[in-house]
Amino acid sequence: MAKKKTSPDGRQIIASNRKARHDYLIEDTYEAGLALMGTEVKALRMGRASLVDGFATFYGDELWLEGVHIPEYVQGTWTNHTPRRRRKLLLHRSELDKIMARTRESGRTVIPLSLYFKGGRAKIELGLATGKKQYDKRHALRERQDRREAERVVFGRGRE
């Protein structure tokens, strides 16, 4: 069984997409429910999922999650799910309309940021994102390094 990580707001985090914040500029976040099969929920309770290749797209007026890997449940039988199937996202109509309008603008996409249990239900945090250029990524890394160095200097002086 995987180690259970719980955040301060009662979320039991299953998987997070750390690379998404590096590759994309996150403009807005949304919390959505997932329409899952029973074996998918059991596999998630074991703490196994990968959001790395995931994205959300509209089919008609519904938002669907694609590319997220939830491995098959080990003790599942013929009722087991396929690991990379398309999953429906559950959002309010007003949120769906906002997301649809903003993704029609050029260069925006919807990506999964984290997958977690909240109140016993599987939820996913979605980010409305714009892709970063290579120089933006390097600039962000440089800023992070500078901030760490400054903290080290301040921390080091405080110890003397």
C-alpha atoms as a PDB file:
ATOM      1  CA  MET A   1       0.000   0.000   0.000  1.00  0.00           C
ATOM      2  CA  ALA A   2       1.325   3.426  -0.880  1.00  0.00           C
ATOM      3  CA  LYS A   3       2.089   6.025   1.760  1.00  0.00           C
ATOM      4  CA  LYS A   4      -0.912   8.297   2.232  1.00  0.00           C
ATOM      5  CA  LYS A   5      -0.177  11.998   1.947  1.00  0.00           C
ATOM      6  CA  THR A   6      -2.806  14.288   3.410  1.00  0.00           C
ATOM      7  CA  SER A   7      -2.810  18.020   2.820  1.00  0.00           C
ATOM      8  CA  PRO A   8      -4.011  20.561   5.412  1.00  0.00           C
ATOM      9  CA  ASP A   9      -7.407  20.943   3.717  1.00  0.00           C
ATOM     10  CA  GLY A  10      -8.268  17.233   4.044  1.00  0.00           C
ATOM     11  CA  ARG A  11      -7.139  16.097   0.621  1.00  0.00           C
ATOM     12  CA  GLN A  12      -5.601  12.653   0.369  1.00  0.00           C
ATOM     13  CA  ILE A  13      -3.282  13.211  -2.592  1.00  0.00           C
ATOM     14  CA  ILE A  14      -2.920  10.299  -5.016  1.00  0.00           C
ATOM     15  CA  ALA A  15      -0.870  11.843  -7.823  1.00  0.00           C
ATOM     16  CA  SER A  16       0.383  15.260  -8.814  1.00  0.00           C
ATOM     17  CA  ASN A  17       1.708  16.607 -12.080  1.00  0.00           C
ATOM     18  CA  ARG A  18       4.763  18.554 -10.908  1.00  0.00           C
ATOM     19  CA  LYS A  19       6.099  19.016 -14.421  1.00  0.00           C
ATOM     20  CA  ALA A  20       2.940  20.874 -15.470  1.00  0.00           C
ATOM     21  CA  ARG A  21       3.852  23.943 -13.418  1.00  0.00           C
ATOM     22  CA  HIS A  22       7.276  23.937 -15.104  1.00  0.00           C
ATOM     23  CA  ASP A  23       5.974  23.522 -18.660  1.00  0.00           C
ATOM     24  CA  TYR A  24       2.870  25.719 -18.424  1.00  0.00           C
ATOM     25  CA  LEU A  25       1.795  29.054 -17.015  1.00  0.00           C
ATOM     26  CA  ILE A  26      -1.291  28.197 -14.932  1.00  0.00           C
ATOM     27  CA  GLU A  27      -3.872  30.977 -15.265  1.00  0.00           C
ATOM     28  CA  ASP A  28      -6.793  29.494 -13.344  1.00  0.00           C
ATOM     29  CA  THR A  29      -7.614  26.284 -11.462  1.00  0.00           C
ATOM     30  CA  TYR A  30     -10.826  24.283 -11.149  1.00  0.00           C
ATOM     31  CA  GLU A  31     -11.830  21.296  -9.038  1.00  0.00           C
ATOM     32  CA  ALA A  32     -13.769  18.609 -10.896  1.00  0.00           C
ATOM     33  CA  GLY A  33     -15.221  15.247 -10.039  1.00  0.00           C
ATOM     34  CA  LEU A  34     -14.492  12.145 -12.095  1.00  0.00           C
ATOM     35  CA  ALA A  35     -16.887   9.538 -13.469  1.00  0.00           C
ATOM     36  CA  LEU A  36     -14.973   6.346 -12.611  1.00  0.00           C
ATOM     37  CA  MET A  37     -15.543   2.602 -12.659  1.00  0.00           C
ATOM     38  CA  GLY A  38     -15.293   0.593  -9.439  1.00  0.00           C
ATOM     39  CA  THR A  39     -11.934  -0.970 -10.283  1.00  0.00           C
ATOM     40  CA  GLU A  40     -10.502   2.481 -11.050  1.00  0.00           C
ATOM     41  CA  VAL A  41     -11.468   3.729  -7.598  1.00  0.00           C
ATOM     42  CA  LYS A  42      -9.867   0.661  -5.998  1.00  0.00           C
ATOM     43  CA  ALA A  43      -6.657   1.209  -7.983  1.00  0.00           C
ATOM     44  CA  LEU A  44      -6.634   4.873  -6.907  1.00  0.00           C
ATOM     45  CA  ARG A  45      -7.112   3.870  -3.261  1.00  0.00           C
ATOM     46  CA  MET A  46      -3.913   1.837  -3.641  1.00  0.00           C
ATOM     47  CA  GLY A  47      -2.244   5.150  -4.566  1.00  0.00           C
ATOM     48  CA  ARG A  48      -1.412   4.413  -8.167  1.00  0.00           C
ATOM     49  CA  ALA A  49      -1.952   6.881 -11.007  1.00  0.00           C
ATOM     50  CA  SER A  50       0.027   9.015 -13.449  1.00  0.00           C
ATOM     51  CA  LEU A  51      -1.014  12.439 -14.734  1.00  0.00           C
ATOM     52  CA  VAL A  52       2.076  13.092 -16.859  1.00  0.00           C
ATOM     53  CA  ASP A  53       0.507  12.768 -20.330  1.00  0.00           C
ATOM     54  CA  GLY A  54      -2.963  13.907 -19.306  1.00  0.00           C
ATOM     55  CA  PHE A  55      -5.077  16.668 -20.813  1.00  0.00           C
ATOM     56  CA  ALA A  56      -8.744  17.587 -20.994  1.00  0.00           C
ATOM     57  CA  THR A  57     -10.713  18.254 -24.147  1.00  0.00           C
ATOM     58  CA  PHE A  58     -14.279  19.053 -25.116  1.00  0.00           C
ATOM     59  CA  TYR A  59     -16.488  16.602 -27.001  1.00  0.00           C
ATOM     60  CA  GLY A  60     -19.725  18.388 -27.723  1.00  0.00           C
ATOM     61  CA  ASP A  61     -20.403  20.388 -24.588  1.00  0.00           C
ATOM     62  CA  GLU A  62     -18.811  17.926 -22.132  1.00  0.00           C
ATOM     63  CA  LEU A  63     -15.252  17.968 -20.803  1.00  0.00           C
ATOM     64  CA  TRP A  64     -13.342  14.675 -20.951  1.00  0.00           C
ATOM     65  CA  LEU A  65     -10.008  13.703 -19.394  1.00  0.00           C
ATOM     66  CA  GLU A  66      -7.602  11.826 -21.654  1.00  0.00           C
ATOM     67  CA  GLY A  67      -4.144  10.333 -21.319  1.00  0.00           C
ATOM     68  CA  VAL A  68      -4.280   9.806 -17.547  1.00  0.00           C
ATOM     69  CA  HIS A  69      -2.967   6.373 -16.598  1.00  0.00           C
ATOM     70  CA  ILE A  70      -4.786   4.510 -13.834  1.00  0.00           C
ATOM     71  CA  PRO A  71      -3.344   0.971 -13.837  1.00  0.00           C
ATOM     72  CA  GLU A  72      -5.601  -2.059 -13.753  1.00  0.00           C
ATOM     73  CA  TYR A  73      -6.719  -3.259 -10.344  1.00  0.00           C
ATOM     74  CA  VAL A  74      -4.657  -6.339  -9.461  1.00  0.00           C
ATOM     75  CA  GLN A  75      -7.555  -8.342  -8.040  1.00  0.00           C
ATOM     76  CA  GLY A  76      -9.991  -7.234 -10.737  1.00  0.00           C
ATOM     77  CA  THR A  77     -11.631  -9.802 -12.999  1.00  0.00           C
ATOM     78  CA  TRP A  78     -13.187  -9.458 -16.416  1.00  0.00           C
ATOM     79  CA  THR A  79     -14.815  -6.224 -15.167  1.00  0.00           C
ATOM     80  CA  ASN A  80     -11.421  -4.463 -15.028  1.00  0.00           C
ATOM     81  CA  HIS A  81     -10.984  -1.129 -16.809  1.00  0.00           C
ATOM     82  CA  THR A  82      -8.560  -0.112 -19.552  1.00  0.00           C
ATOM     83  CA  PRO A  83      -5.724   1.991 -18.072  1.00  0.00           C
ATOM     84  CA  ARG A  84      -5.853   4.995 -20.434  1.00  0.00           C
ATOM     85  CA  ARG A  85      -9.554   5.258 -21.202  1.00  0.00           C
ATOM     86  CA  ARG A  86     -11.363   8.574 -21.644  1.00  0.00           C
ATOM     87  CA  ARG A  87     -13.033   9.733 -18.397  1.00  0.00           C
ATOM     88  CA  LYS A  88     -15.836  12.253 -18.035  1.00  0.00           C
ATOM     89  CA  LEU A  89     -15.186  15.291 -15.841  1.00  0.00           C
ATOM     90  CA  LEU A  90     -18.013  16.511 -13.627  1.00  0.00           C
ATOM     91  CA  LEU A  91     -18.302  20.300 -13.447  1.00  0.00           C
ATOM     92  CA  HIS A  92     -21.130  22.807 -13.185  1.00  0.00           C
ATOM     93  CA  ARG A  93     -22.474  24.101 -16.497  1.00  0.00           C
ATOM     94  CA  SER A  94     -21.296  27.664 -15.745  1.00  0.00           C
ATOM     95  CA  GLU A  95     -17.733  26.414 -15.137  1.00  0.00           C
ATOM     96  CA  LEU A  96     -17.819  24.369 -18.341  1.00  0.00           C
ATOM     97  CA  ASP A  97     -18.966  27.420 -20.311  1.00  0.00           C
ATOM     98  CA  LYS A  98     -16.148  29.562 -18.862  1.00  0.00           C
ATOM     99  CA  ILE A  99     -13.526  26.925 -19.628  1.00  0.00           C
ATOM    100  CA  MET A 100     -14.869  26.376 -23.149  1.00  0.00           C
ATOM    101  CA  ALA A 101     -14.785  30.099 -23.923  1.00  0.00           C
ATOM    102  CA  ARG A 102     -11.239  30.498 -22.607  1.00  0.00           C
ATOM    103  CA  THR A 103      -9.832  27.417 -24.375  1.00  0.00           C
ATOM    104  CA  ARG A 104     -11.107  28.715 -27.709  1.00  0.00           C
ATOM    105  CA  GLU A 105      -8.596  31.540 -27.333  1.00  0.00           C
ATOM    106  CA  SER A 106      -5.290  30.625 -28.941  1.00  0.00           C
ATOM    107  CA  GLY A 107      -2.646  28.729 -27.013  1.00  0.00           C
ATOM    108  CA  ARG A 108      -4.751  27.675 -24.015  1.00  0.00           C
ATOM    109  CA  THR A 109      -5.312  24.127 -22.826  1.00  0.00           C
ATOM    110  CA  VAL A 110      -6.708  22.312 -19.792  1.00  0.00           C
ATOM    111  CA  ILE A 111      -4.274  20.061 -17.931  1.00  0.00           C
ATOM    112  CA  PRO A 112      -4.591  17.967 -14.757  1.00  0.00           C
ATOM    113  CA  LEU A 113      -2.522  19.252 -11.835  1.00  0.00           C
ATOM    114  CA  SER A 114      -3.375  16.785  -9.060  1.00  0.00           C
ATOM    115  CA  LEU A 115      -5.612  13.820  -8.331  1.00  0.00           C
ATOM    116  CA  TYR A 116      -6.903  13.312  -4.800  1.00  0.00           C
ATOM    117  CA  PHE A 117      -9.669  12.047  -2.563  1.00  0.00           C
ATOM    118  CA  LYS A 118     -11.754  14.645  -0.771  1.00  0.00           C
ATOM    119  CA  GLY A 119     -14.552  13.471   1.479  1.00  0.00           C
ATOM    120  CA  GLY A 120     -14.263   9.960   0.048  1.00  0.00           C
ATOM    121  CA  ARG A 121     -14.736  11.108  -3.540  1.00  0.00           C
ATOM    122  CA  ALA A 122     -12.106  11.204  -6.279  1.00  0.00           C
ATOM    123  CA  LYS A 123     -11.429  14.763  -7.426  1.00  0.00           C
ATOM    124  CA  ILE A 124      -9.020  16.270  -9.898  1.00  0.00           C
ATOM    125  CA  GLU A 125      -7.555  19.767  -9.930  1.00  0.00           C
ATOM    126  CA  LEU A 126      -7.504  21.163 -13.446  1.00  0.00           C
ATOM    127  CA  GLY A 127      -5.447  24.101 -14.617  1.00  0.00           C
ATOM    128  CA  LEU A 128      -6.261  26.409 -17.493  1.00  0.00           C
ATOM    129  CA  ALA A 129      -2.791  26.834 -18.921  1.00  0.00           C
ATOM    130  CA  THR A 130      -0.679  28.491 -21.583  1.00  0.00           C
ATOM    131  CA  GLY A 131       2.534  26.802 -22.732  1.00  0.00           C
ATOM    132  CA  LYS A 132       5.837  28.376 -21.691  1.00  0.00           C
ATOM    133  CA  LYS A 133       8.659  29.003 -24.094  1.00  0.00           C
ATOM    134  CA  GLN A 134      12.106  27.529 -23.403  1.00  0.00           C
ATOM    135  CA  TYR A 135      13.551  30.875 -22.286  1.00  0.00           C
ATOM    136  CA  ASP A 136      10.642  31.341 -19.839  1.00  0.00           C
ATOM    137  CA  LYS A 137      11.476  27.979 -18.251  1.00  0.00           C
ATOM    138  CA  ARG A 138      15.146  28.912 -17.910  1.00  0.00           C
ATOM    139  CA  HIS A 139      14.209  32.290 -16.415  1.00  0.00           C
ATOM    140  CA  ALA A 140      11.936  30.612 -13.845  1.00  0.00           C
ATOM    141  CA  LEU A 141      14.710  28.170 -12.870  1.00  0.00           C
ATOM    142  CA  ARG A 142      17.177  31.044 -12.494  1.00  0.00           C
ATOM    143  CA  GLU A 143      14.759  32.983 -10.260  1.00  0.00           C
ATOM    144  CA  ARG A 144      14.238  29.914  -8.075  1.00  0.00           C
ATOM    145  CA  GLN A 145      18.003  29.413  -7.703  1.00  0.00           C
ATOM    146  CA  ASP A 146      18.517  33.078  -6.796  1.00  0.00           C
ATOM    147  CA  ARG A 147      15.759  32.897  -4.192  1.00  0.00           C
ATOM    148  CA  ARG A 148      17.324  29.776  -2.642  1.00  0.00           C
ATOM    149  CA  GLU A 149      20.755  31.411  -2.494  1.00  0.00           C
ATOM    150  CA  ALA A 150      19.295  34.490  -0.811  1.00  0.00           C
ATOM    151  CA  GLU A 151      17.532  32.296   1.763  1.00  0.00           C
ATOM    152  CA  ARG A 152      20.765  30.412   2.439  1.00  0.00           C
ATOM    153  CA  VAL A 153      22.654  33.671   3.023  1.00  0.00           C
ATOM    154  CA  VAL A 154      19.970  35.010   5.367  1.00  0.00           C
ATOM    155  CA  PHE A 155      19.719  31.695   7.185  1.00  0.00           C
ATOM    156  CA  GLY A 156      23.511  31.403   7.452  1.00  0.00           C
ATOM    157  CA  ARG A 157      23.872  34.906   8.952  1.00  0.00           C
ATOM    158  CA  GLY A 158      21.176  34.216  11.494  1.00  0.00           C
ATOM    159  CA  ARG A 159      23.090  31.204  12.848  1.00  0.00           C
ATOM    160  CA  GLU A 160      26.335  33.074  13.597  1.00  0.00           C
END
